């Protein structure tokens, strides 16, 4: 929870930084401004009353695994059979969507 106190009437900009391991939720989802996420940057107006509707939601960024097995396809059928052994010494490279090696 956060709160800035002692502010005068006016328009203010509030910025939220994304914590490591988190992703921002969708901004302005729904119709209730008191509970929706306002995104990473939002503007708030104070006019003779408190404005307690400026918030930002985050969720933990999911992590997944990618991989399997490299084997010698002795019968050349494109399927890994239980009798086919793994091959060592194969270089496996992971690249992102831009072709950059990770």
N, C-alpha and C. Protein backbone atom coordinates (compact mmCIF):
# COMPACT_ATOMS: atom_id res chain seq x y z
N UNK A 1 0.86 -1.17 0.00
CA UNK A 1 0.00 0.00 0.00
C UNK A 1 0.90 1.23 0.00
N UNK A 2 0.48 2.26 -0.71
CA UNK A 2 1.22 3.52 -0.72
C UNK A 2 0.25 4.67 -0.56
N UNK A 3 0.76 5.81 -0.15
CA UNK A 3 -0.08 7.00 -0.03
C UNK A 3 0.82 8.23 0.03
N UNK A 4 0.49 9.23 -0.78
CA UNK A 4 1.13 10.55 -0.70
C UNK A 4 0.16 11.45 0.07
N UNK A 5 0.65 12.13 1.08
CA UNK A 5 -0.23 12.93 1.93
C UNK A 5 0.09 14.41 1.82
N UNK A 6 -0.87 15.23 2.22
CA UNK A 6 -0.68 16.67 2.28
C UNK A 6 -0.63 17.35 0.93
N UNK A 7 -1.26 16.78 -0.09
CA UNK A 7 -1.23 17.35 -1.44
C UNK A 7 -2.31 18.41 -1.61
N UNK A 8 -2.03 19.38 -2.44
CA UNK A 8 -3.01 20.41 -2.79
C UNK A 8 -3.83 19.95 -3.98
N UNK A 9 -4.94 20.65 -4.26
CA UNK A 9 -5.71 20.37 -5.46
C UNK A 9 -4.77 20.45 -6.67
N UNK A 10 -4.98 19.55 -7.63
CA UNK A 10 -4.14 19.57 -8.82
C UNK A 10 -4.14 18.24 -9.53
N UNK A 11 -3.37 18.18 -10.60
CA UNK A 11 -3.23 16.96 -11.40
C UNK A 11 -1.83 16.40 -11.15
N UNK A 12 -1.77 15.12 -10.87
CA UNK A 12 -0.51 14.47 -10.53
C UNK A 12 -0.30 13.25 -11.41
N UNK A 13 0.95 12.96 -11.71
CA UNK A 13 1.32 11.75 -12.45
C UNK A 13 1.95 10.77 -11.47
N UNK A 14 1.51 9.53 -11.53
CA UNK A 14 2.04 8.48 -10.67
C UNK A 14 2.64 7.41 -11.58
N UNK A 15 3.88 7.02 -11.30
CA UNK A 15 4.56 5.99 -12.09
C UNK A 15 4.92 4.81 -11.19
N UNK A 16 4.70 3.61 -11.70
CA UNK A 16 5.01 2.38 -10.98
C UNK A 16 6.11 1.65 -11.74
N UNK A 17 7.12 1.17 -11.05
CA UNK A 17 8.15 0.36 -11.69
C UNK A 17 7.77 -1.11 -11.55
N UNK A 18 8.12 -1.90 -12.55
CA UNK A 18 7.80 -3.32 -12.53
C UNK A 18 8.85 -4.08 -11.73
N UNK A 19 8.45 -4.75 -10.66
CA UNK A 19 9.43 -5.51 -9.87
C UNK A 19 9.99 -6.69 -10.67
N UNK A 20 11.23 -7.06 -10.39
CA UNK A 20 11.85 -8.20 -11.05
C UNK A 20 11.00 -9.45 -10.85
N UNK A 21 10.80 -10.20 -11.92
CA UNK A 21 10.02 -11.44 -11.85
C UNK A 21 8.53 -11.25 -11.97
N UNK A 22 8.08 -10.02 -12.24
CA UNK A 22 6.65 -9.73 -12.37
C UNK A 22 6.35 -9.11 -13.72
N UNK A 23 5.08 -9.19 -14.12
CA UNK A 23 4.58 -8.60 -15.36
C UNK A 23 3.37 -7.74 -15.00
N UNK A 24 3.24 -6.54 -15.59
CA UNK A 24 2.06 -5.71 -15.31
C UNK A 24 0.79 -6.36 -15.83
N UNK A 25 -0.30 -6.24 -15.08
CA UNK A 25 -1.59 -6.71 -15.55
C UNK A 25 -2.14 -5.74 -16.59
N UNK A 26 -3.23 -6.11 -17.22
CA UNK A 26 -3.89 -5.26 -18.20
C UNK A 26 -4.44 -4.01 -17.51
N UNK A 27 -4.16 -2.86 -18.11
CA UNK A 27 -4.63 -1.60 -17.53
C UNK A 27 -6.10 -1.38 -17.83
N UNK A 28 -6.80 -0.80 -16.87
CA UNK A 28 -8.20 -0.38 -17.02
C UNK A 28 -9.13 -1.50 -17.44
N UNK A 29 -8.94 -2.69 -16.88
CA UNK A 29 -9.83 -3.81 -17.16
C UNK A 29 -11.08 -3.66 -16.30
N UNK A 30 -12.22 -3.68 -16.92
CA UNK A 30 -13.46 -3.52 -16.17
C UNK A 30 -13.88 -2.07 -16.08
N UNK A 31 -14.91 -1.83 -15.27
CA UNK A 31 -15.49 -0.49 -15.18
C UNK A 31 -15.36 0.14 -13.80
N UNK A 32 -14.75 -0.56 -12.86
CA UNK A 32 -14.62 -0.04 -11.50
C UNK A 32 -13.21 0.48 -11.29
N UNK A 33 -13.03 1.80 -11.37
CA UNK A 33 -11.71 2.41 -11.27
C UNK A 33 -11.07 2.19 -9.90
N UNK A 34 -11.86 1.86 -8.90
CA UNK A 34 -11.32 1.65 -7.56
C UNK A 34 -10.57 0.32 -7.44
N UNK A 35 -10.84 -0.63 -8.35
CA UNK A 35 -10.21 -1.95 -8.24
C UNK A 35 -9.41 -2.36 -9.47
N UNK A 36 -9.53 -1.63 -10.57
CA UNK A 36 -8.77 -2.01 -11.76
C UNK A 36 -7.34 -1.48 -11.67
N UNK A 37 -6.45 -2.07 -12.47
CA UNK A 37 -5.08 -1.58 -12.55
C UNK A 37 -5.03 -0.39 -13.49
N UNK A 38 -4.33 0.65 -13.09
CA UNK A 38 -4.23 1.84 -13.93
C UNK A 38 -2.99 1.84 -14.81
N UNK A 39 -2.24 0.74 -14.82
CA UNK A 39 -1.06 0.65 -15.66
C UNK A 39 0.18 1.15 -14.95
N UNK A 40 1.25 1.32 -15.72
CA UNK A 40 2.53 1.73 -15.14
C UNK A 40 2.63 3.23 -14.90
N UNK A 41 1.91 4.01 -15.70
CA UNK A 41 1.86 5.46 -15.51
C UNK A 41 0.41 5.90 -15.58
N UNK A 42 -0.01 6.69 -14.63
CA UNK A 42 -1.40 7.15 -14.61
C UNK A 42 -1.45 8.58 -14.07
N UNK A 43 -2.54 9.24 -14.35
CA UNK A 43 -2.74 10.61 -13.90
C UNK A 43 -3.89 10.63 -12.90
N UNK A 44 -3.68 11.34 -11.82
CA UNK A 44 -4.72 11.48 -10.81
C UNK A 44 -5.02 12.94 -10.53
N UNK A 45 -6.29 13.23 -10.33
CA UNK A 45 -6.73 14.60 -10.05
C UNK A 45 -7.24 14.66 -8.62
N UNK A 46 -6.79 15.66 -7.88
CA UNK A 46 -7.33 15.93 -6.55
C UNK A 46 -8.11 17.23 -6.65
N UNK A 47 -9.39 17.17 -6.34
CA UNK A 47 -10.25 18.36 -6.36
C UNK A 47 -11.12 18.31 -5.12
N UNK A 48 -10.65 18.91 -4.06
CA UNK A 48 -11.39 19.03 -2.79
C UNK A 48 -11.74 17.69 -2.16
N UNK A 49 -11.02 16.61 -2.52
CA UNK A 49 -11.27 15.30 -1.92
C UNK A 49 -10.09 14.37 -2.21
N UNK A 50 -9.95 13.34 -1.38
CA UNK A 50 -8.91 12.34 -1.63
C UNK A 50 -9.22 11.57 -2.90
N UNK A 51 -8.20 11.11 -3.59
CA UNK A 51 -8.35 10.23 -4.74
C UNK A 51 -7.55 8.97 -4.43
N UNK A 52 -8.24 7.92 -4.03
CA UNK A 52 -7.59 6.67 -3.63
C UNK A 52 -7.85 5.57 -4.67
N UNK A 53 -7.81 5.95 -5.97
CA UNK A 53 -8.11 4.99 -7.03
C UNK A 53 -6.91 4.72 -7.94
N UNK A 54 -5.74 5.23 -7.61
CA UNK A 54 -4.57 5.06 -8.48
C UNK A 54 -3.77 3.84 -8.02
N UNK A 55 -3.85 2.77 -8.81
CA UNK A 55 -3.21 1.53 -8.42
C UNK A 55 -2.63 0.83 -9.63
N UNK A 56 -1.81 -0.16 -9.38
CA UNK A 56 -1.19 -0.92 -10.46
C UNK A 56 -1.07 -2.37 -10.03
N UNK A 57 -1.52 -3.28 -10.90
CA UNK A 57 -1.47 -4.70 -10.59
C UNK A 57 -0.34 -5.40 -11.33
N UNK A 58 0.23 -6.41 -10.70
CA UNK A 58 1.31 -7.21 -11.27
C UNK A 58 1.05 -8.68 -10.98
N UNK A 59 1.55 -9.55 -11.83
CA UNK A 59 1.50 -10.97 -11.54
C UNK A 59 2.88 -11.57 -11.77
N UNK A 60 3.16 -12.66 -11.06
CA UNK A 60 4.46 -13.31 -11.23
C UNK A 60 4.56 -13.86 -12.64
N UNK A 61 5.67 -13.53 -13.30
CA UNK A 61 5.90 -13.99 -14.66
C UNK A 61 6.14 -15.50 -14.62
N UNK A 62 5.31 -16.27 -15.35
CA UNK A 62 5.49 -17.72 -15.32
C UNK A 62 6.80 -18.14 -15.98
N UNK A 63 7.39 -19.20 -15.48
CA UNK A 63 8.61 -19.76 -16.04
C UNK A 63 8.32 -21.19 -16.49
N UNK A 64 8.82 -21.54 -17.66
CA UNK A 64 8.59 -22.87 -18.23
C UNK A 64 9.92 -23.48 -18.65
N UNK A 65 9.89 -24.72 -19.01
CA UNK A 65 11.08 -25.44 -19.47
C UNK A 65 10.89 -25.85 -20.92
N UNK A 66 12.00 -25.95 -21.62
CA UNK A 66 12.00 -26.35 -23.02
C UNK A 66 13.12 -27.36 -23.20
N UNK A 67 12.82 -28.50 -23.76
CA UNK A 67 13.87 -29.49 -23.96
C UNK A 67 13.30 -30.86 -24.26
N UNK A 68 14.17 -31.81 -24.46
CA UNK A 68 13.81 -33.21 -24.61
C UNK A 68 15.07 -34.03 -24.76
N UNK A 69 15.34 -34.57 -25.94
CA UNK A 69 16.34 -35.61 -26.07
C UNK A 69 16.92 -35.56 -27.47
N UNK A 70 18.22 -35.84 -27.60
CA UNK A 70 18.88 -36.00 -28.91
C UNK A 70 19.31 -37.46 -29.00
N UNK A 71 18.89 -38.14 -30.04
CA UNK A 71 19.16 -39.57 -30.13
C UNK A 71 19.61 -39.96 -31.53
N UNK A 72 20.21 -41.15 -31.61
CA UNK A 72 20.61 -41.72 -32.91
C UNK A 72 19.42 -42.50 -33.45
N UNK A 73 18.86 -42.02 -34.55
CA UNK A 73 17.68 -42.63 -35.17
C UNK A 73 18.15 -43.76 -36.09
N UNK A 74 18.48 -44.89 -35.48
CA UNK A 74 19.12 -45.99 -36.22
C UNK A 74 18.25 -46.55 -37.35
N UNK A 75 16.96 -46.51 -37.21
CA UNK A 75 16.09 -47.03 -38.28
C UNK A 75 15.52 -45.91 -39.16
N UNK A 76 15.95 -44.68 -38.93
CA UNK A 76 15.62 -43.51 -39.76
C UNK A 76 14.12 -43.30 -39.94
N UNK A 77 13.33 -43.58 -38.90
CA UNK A 77 11.88 -43.40 -39.02
C UNK A 77 11.39 -42.09 -38.41
N UNK A 78 12.31 -41.27 -37.85
CA UNK A 78 11.93 -39.99 -37.28
C UNK A 78 11.28 -40.09 -35.91
N UNK A 79 11.26 -41.29 -35.32
CA UNK A 79 10.67 -41.49 -34.00
C UNK A 79 11.72 -42.08 -33.07
N UNK A 80 11.68 -41.63 -31.82
CA UNK A 80 12.62 -42.13 -30.82
C UNK A 80 12.10 -43.46 -30.27
N UNK A 81 12.76 -44.53 -30.62
CA UNK A 81 12.38 -45.85 -30.14
C UNK A 81 13.12 -46.16 -28.85
N UNK A 82 12.59 -47.06 -28.06
CA UNK A 82 13.17 -47.37 -26.74
C UNK A 82 14.58 -47.95 -26.85
N UNK A 83 14.93 -48.52 -27.99
CA UNK A 83 16.26 -49.11 -28.16
C UNK A 83 17.28 -48.12 -28.71
N UNK A 84 16.85 -46.93 -29.09
CA UNK A 84 17.77 -45.94 -29.67
C UNK A 84 18.39 -45.10 -28.56
N UNK A 85 19.69 -45.02 -28.57
CA UNK A 85 20.46 -44.36 -27.51
C UNK A 85 20.65 -42.88 -27.81
N UNK A 86 20.91 -42.13 -26.75
CA UNK A 86 21.21 -40.71 -26.89
C UNK A 86 22.57 -40.48 -27.52
N UNK A 87 22.74 -39.28 -28.06
CA UNK A 87 24.01 -38.88 -28.68
C UNK A 87 24.61 -37.76 -27.83
N UNK A 88 25.87 -37.90 -27.47
CA UNK A 88 26.56 -36.83 -26.74
C UNK A 88 27.32 -35.96 -27.73
N UNK A 89 27.73 -34.80 -27.27
CA UNK A 89 28.55 -33.91 -28.10
C UNK A 89 27.76 -33.04 -29.06
N UNK A 90 26.44 -33.07 -28.99
CA UNK A 90 25.60 -32.23 -29.85
C UNK A 90 25.46 -30.86 -29.17
N UNK A 91 25.71 -29.79 -29.92
CA UNK A 91 25.52 -28.44 -29.39
C UNK A 91 24.07 -28.03 -29.62
N UNK A 92 23.40 -27.63 -28.57
CA UNK A 92 22.01 -27.17 -28.65
C UNK A 92 22.00 -25.70 -28.28
N UNK A 93 21.43 -24.86 -29.15
CA UNK A 93 21.43 -23.41 -28.95
C UNK A 93 19.99 -22.93 -28.81
N UNK A 94 19.73 -22.10 -27.82
CA UNK A 94 18.42 -21.50 -27.63
C UNK A 94 18.47 -20.05 -28.08
N UNK A 95 17.51 -19.65 -28.93
CA UNK A 95 17.44 -18.28 -29.44
C UNK A 95 16.07 -17.70 -29.13
N UNK A 96 16.02 -16.39 -28.98
CA UNK A 96 14.73 -15.74 -28.77
C UNK A 96 14.05 -15.47 -30.11
N UNK A 97 12.90 -14.81 -30.08
CA UNK A 97 12.12 -14.57 -31.30
C UNK A 97 12.84 -13.68 -32.31
N UNK A 98 13.88 -12.96 -31.87
CA UNK A 98 14.67 -12.11 -32.77
C UNK A 98 15.91 -12.81 -33.28
N UNK A 99 16.05 -14.09 -32.96
CA UNK A 99 17.20 -14.86 -33.41
C UNK A 99 18.45 -14.65 -32.57
N UNK A 100 18.30 -14.00 -31.43
CA UNK A 100 19.45 -13.75 -30.55
C UNK A 100 19.66 -14.94 -29.63
N UNK A 101 20.91 -15.36 -29.52
CA UNK A 101 21.24 -16.49 -28.65
C UNK A 101 21.04 -16.09 -27.20
N UNK A 102 20.34 -16.95 -26.47
CA UNK A 102 20.11 -16.70 -25.04
C UNK A 102 21.14 -17.41 -24.20
